[in-house]
Amino acid sequence: MSEFVKTTLAKEVEQNIKYTFDQAKINQRVVDSTEVKEQLDKSFHRVTEGLYKNSGINLRFSGSTCVSVLIVGNKVFCANVGDSRATLARKKEIAGSPGQTKLVGIPLNRDHKADEPDEQ
């Protein structure tokens, strides 16, 4: 299942995002963040649909998690299914130690858990 999702989702996201930006270019407008989010959502749903219709995988006893990060210009979009995590590492100067840095983790998402109110 994870191999199907990996190969199919990447293609789906690429096609949908490319289409959105191509249409914006034709219409001489800027792509809105909402459009990118909608295309990511659409991609995840299409892959899920493909799992049921085209994968040939017995989904009754299969499962997968997924986290995807898309960087468009200076914006970072993160989408996930299941309890997967994405963290961005950023260099930060250590206070009181000029020239010395450390890596600081910045969470990009939160786990999807069945007991969360917005997951029920």
C-alpha atoms as a PDB file:
ATOM      1  CA  MET A   1       0.000   0.000   0.000  1.00  0.00           C
ATOM      2  CA  SER A   2       2.709   2.490   0.928  1.00  0.00           C
ATOM      3  CA  GLU A   3       4.465   1.971  -2.431  1.00  0.00           C
ATOM      4  CA  PHE A   4       1.186   2.671  -4.283  1.00  0.00           C
ATOM      5  CA  VAL A   5       0.602   5.838  -2.244  1.00  0.00           C
ATOM      6  CA  LYS A   6       4.198   7.009  -2.666  1.00  0.00           C
ATOM      7  CA  THR A   7       4.234   6.745  -6.453  1.00  0.00           C
ATOM      8  CA  THR A   8       0.634   7.769  -7.085  1.00  0.00           C
ATOM      9  CA  LEU A   9       0.425  10.710  -4.685  1.00  0.00           C
ATOM     10  CA  ALA A  10       3.584  12.382  -6.008  1.00  0.00           C
ATOM     11  CA  LYS A  11       2.237  12.267  -9.578  1.00  0.00           C
ATOM     12  CA  GLU A  12      -1.208  13.442  -8.507  1.00  0.00           C
ATOM     13  CA  VAL A  13       0.128  16.406  -6.522  1.00  0.00           C
ATOM     14  CA  GLU A  14       2.466  17.399  -9.341  1.00  0.00           C
ATOM     15  CA  GLN A  15      -0.324  17.302 -11.947  1.00  0.00           C
ATOM     16  CA  ASN A  16      -2.824  19.213  -9.832  1.00  0.00           C
ATOM     17  CA  ILE A  17      -0.403  21.904  -8.689  1.00  0.00           C
ATOM     18  CA  LYS A  18       1.002  22.329 -12.197  1.00  0.00           C
ATOM     19  CA  TYR A  19      -2.510  22.702 -13.604  1.00  0.00           C
ATOM     20  CA  THR A  20      -3.358  25.347 -10.985  1.00  0.00           C
ATOM     21  CA  PHE A  21      -0.236  27.383 -11.741  1.00  0.00           C
ATOM     22  CA  ASP A  22      -0.655  26.987 -15.517  1.00  0.00           C
ATOM     23  CA  GLN A  23      -4.225  28.281 -15.301  1.00  0.00           C
ATOM     24  CA  ALA A  24      -3.119  31.211 -13.167  1.00  0.00           C
ATOM     25  CA  LYS A  25      -0.426  32.078 -15.699  1.00  0.00           C
ATOM     26  CA  ILE A  26      -2.914  31.941 -18.583  1.00  0.00           C
ATOM     27  CA  ASN A  27      -5.304  34.192 -16.660  1.00  0.00           C
ATOM     28  CA  GLN A  28      -2.457  36.438 -15.485  1.00  0.00           C
ATOM     29  CA  ARG A  29      -3.177  36.095 -11.796  1.00  0.00           C
ATOM     30  CA  VAL A  30      -1.417  34.947  -8.649  1.00  0.00           C
ATOM     31  CA  VAL A  31      -2.223  31.565  -7.124  1.00  0.00           C
ATOM     32  CA  ASP A  32      -3.904  31.860  -3.737  1.00  0.00           C
ATOM     33  CA  SER A  33      -2.793  29.665  -0.817  1.00  0.00           C
ATOM     34  CA  THR A  34      -6.325  28.289  -0.603  1.00  0.00           C
ATOM     35  CA  GLU A  35      -6.002  26.899  -4.125  1.00  0.00           C
ATOM     36  CA  VAL A  36      -2.808  25.047  -3.215  1.00  0.00           C
ATOM     37  CA  LYS A  37      -4.482  23.584  -0.114  1.00  0.00           C
ATOM     38  CA  GLU A  38      -7.495  22.521  -2.201  1.00  0.00           C
ATOM     39  CA  GLN A  39      -5.255  20.794  -4.748  1.00  0.00           C
ATOM     40  CA  LEU A  40      -3.389  18.923  -2.005  1.00  0.00           C
ATOM     41  CA  ASP A  41      -6.717  17.808  -0.534  1.00  0.00           C
ATOM     42  CA  LYS A  42      -7.967  16.790  -3.977  1.00  0.00           C
ATOM     43  CA  SER A  43      -4.769  14.793  -4.578  1.00  0.00           C
ATOM     44  CA  PHE A  44      -5.096  12.880  -1.309  1.00  0.00           C
ATOM     45  CA  HIS A  45      -8.747  12.074  -2.049  1.00  0.00           C
ATOM     46  CA  ARG A  46      -7.969  10.871  -5.582  1.00  0.00           C
ATOM     47  CA  VAL A  47      -5.228   8.577  -4.320  1.00  0.00           C
ATOM     48  CA  THR A  48      -7.586   7.169  -1.700  1.00  0.00           C
ATOM     49  CA  GLU A  49     -10.168   6.568  -4.413  1.00  0.00           C
ATOM     50  CA  GLY A  50      -7.486   4.902  -6.542  1.00  0.00           C
ATOM     51  CA  LEU A  51      -6.590   2.594  -3.679  1.00  0.00           C
ATOM     52  CA  TYR A  52     -10.160   1.317  -3.552  1.00  0.00           C
ATOM     53  CA  LYS A  53     -10.731   1.110  -7.306  1.00  0.00           C
ATOM     54  CA  ASN A  54      -7.400   0.396  -9.003  1.00  0.00           C
ATOM     55  CA  SER A  55      -4.721  -0.855  -6.633  1.00  0.00           C
ATOM     56  CA  GLY A  56      -5.719  -4.487  -6.283  1.00  0.00           C
ATOM     57  CA  ILE A  57      -4.632  -4.273  -2.650  1.00  0.00           C
ATOM     58  CA  ASN A  58      -6.717  -5.946   0.054  1.00  0.00           C
ATOM     59  CA  LEU A  59      -7.480  -2.821   2.066  1.00  0.00           C
ATOM     60  CA  ARG A  60      -9.242  -4.675   4.838  1.00  0.00           C
ATOM     61  CA  PHE A  61      -5.963  -5.479   6.577  1.00  0.00           C
ATOM     62  CA  SER A  62      -3.733  -2.777   5.085  1.00  0.00           C
ATOM     63  CA  GLY A  63      -2.956   0.741   6.123  1.00  0.00           C
ATOM     64  CA  SER A  64      -0.491   3.530   5.696  1.00  0.00           C
ATOM     65  CA  THR A  65       0.357   6.963   6.963  1.00  0.00           C
ATOM     66  CA  CYS A  66       1.634   9.811   4.847  1.00  0.00           C
ATOM     67  CA  VAL A  67       3.085  13.248   5.321  1.00  0.00           C
ATOM     68  CA  SER A  68       3.774  15.551   2.375  1.00  0.00           C
ATOM     69  CA  VAL A  69       5.480  18.922   2.347  1.00  0.00           C
ATOM     70  CA  LEU A  70       5.224  21.251  -0.628  1.00  0.00           C
ATOM     71  CA  ILE A  71       7.225  24.458  -0.829  1.00  0.00           C
ATOM     72  CA  VAL A  72       5.871  27.111  -3.178  1.00  0.00           C
ATOM     73  CA  GLY A  73       7.912  30.303  -3.161  1.00  0.00           C
ATOM     74  CA  ASN A  74       8.258  31.266   0.491  1.00  0.00           C
ATOM     75  CA  LYS A  75       5.257  29.241   1.682  1.00  0.00           C
ATOM     76  CA  VAL A  76       5.352  25.751   3.147  1.00  0.00           C
ATOM     77  CA  PHE A  77       2.280  23.524   2.834  1.00  0.00           C
ATOM     78  CA  CYS A  78       2.013  20.344   4.847  1.00  0.00           C
ATOM     79  CA  ALA A  79      -0.607  17.611   4.467  1.00  0.00           C
ATOM     80  CA  ASN A  80      -0.785  14.375   6.374  1.00  0.00           C
ATOM     81  CA  VAL A  81      -2.906  11.300   6.885  1.00  0.00           C
ATOM     82  CA  GLY A  82      -2.522   9.176   9.978  1.00  0.00           C
ATOM     83  CA  ASP A  83      -0.168   9.830  12.832  1.00  0.00           C
ATOM     84  CA  SER A  84       2.740  11.099  10.758  1.00  0.00           C
ATOM     85  CA  ARG A  85       4.861  14.097  11.641  1.00  0.00           C
ATOM     86  CA  ALA A  86       6.786  16.707   9.692  1.00  0.00           C
ATOM     87  CA  THR A  87       9.344  18.932  11.349  1.00  0.00           C
ATOM     88  CA  LEU A  88      11.373  21.732   9.807  1.00  0.00           C
ATOM     89  CA  ALA A  89      14.885  22.233  11.178  1.00  0.00           C
ATOM     90  CA  ARG A  90      16.061  25.826  11.418  1.00  0.00           C
ATOM     91  CA  LYS A  91      19.422  27.197  12.518  1.00  0.00           C
ATOM     92  CA  LYS A  92      19.137  29.539  15.459  1.00  0.00           C
ATOM     93  CA  GLU A  93      21.906  31.569  17.029  1.00  0.00           C
ATOM     94  CA  ILE A  94      22.652  30.590  20.603  1.00  0.00           C
ATOM     95  CA  ALA A  95      21.985  33.515  22.918  1.00  0.00           C
ATOM     96  CA  GLY A  96      25.202  34.814  24.467  1.00  0.00           C
ATOM     97  CA  SER A  97      27.364  32.799  22.032  1.00  0.00           C
ATOM     98  CA  PRO A  98      27.982  34.926  18.927  1.00  0.00           C
ATOM     99  CA  GLY A  99      28.537  32.855  15.801  1.00  0.00           C
ATOM    100  CA  GLN A 100      27.355  29.630  17.394  1.00  0.00           C
ATOM    101  CA  THR A 101      24.140  28.068  16.210  1.00  0.00           C
ATOM    102  CA  LYS A 102      21.927  25.142  17.049  1.00  0.00           C
ATOM    103  CA  LEU A 103      19.154  23.397  15.149  1.00  0.00           C
ATOM    104  CA  VAL A 104      15.637  24.001  16.395  1.00  0.00           C
ATOM    105  CA  GLY A 105      12.717  21.812  15.325  1.00  0.00           C
ATOM    106  CA  ILE A 106       9.549  23.538  14.139  1.00  0.00           C
ATOM    107  CA  PRO A 107       6.481  21.276  13.902  1.00  0.00           C
ATOM    108  CA  LEU A 108       4.637  21.640  10.591  1.00  0.00           C
ATOM    109  CA  ASN A 109       1.615  19.517  11.477  1.00  0.00           C
ATOM    110  CA  ARG A 110      -0.081  17.594  14.201  1.00  0.00           C
ATOM    111  CA  ASP A 111      -0.926  13.914  14.393  1.00  0.00           C
ATOM    112  CA  HIS A 112      -4.331  12.771  13.220  1.00  0.00           C
ATOM    113  CA  LYS A 113      -5.787  10.769  16.061  1.00  0.00           C
ATOM    114  CA  ALA A 114      -9.207   9.154  16.321  1.00  0.00           C
ATOM    115  CA  ASP A 115      -9.851  10.678  19.747  1.00  0.00           C
ATOM    116  CA  GLU A 116      -9.448  14.284  18.503  1.00  0.00           C
ATOM    117  CA  PRO A 117     -12.812  16.100  18.266  1.00  0.00           C
ATOM    118  CA  ASP A 118     -12.167  17.266  14.680  1.00  0.00           C
ATOM    119  CA  GLU A 119     -11.367  13.691  13.630  1.00  0.00           C
ATOM    120  CA  GLN A 120     -14.673  12.194  14.720  1.00  0.00           C
END
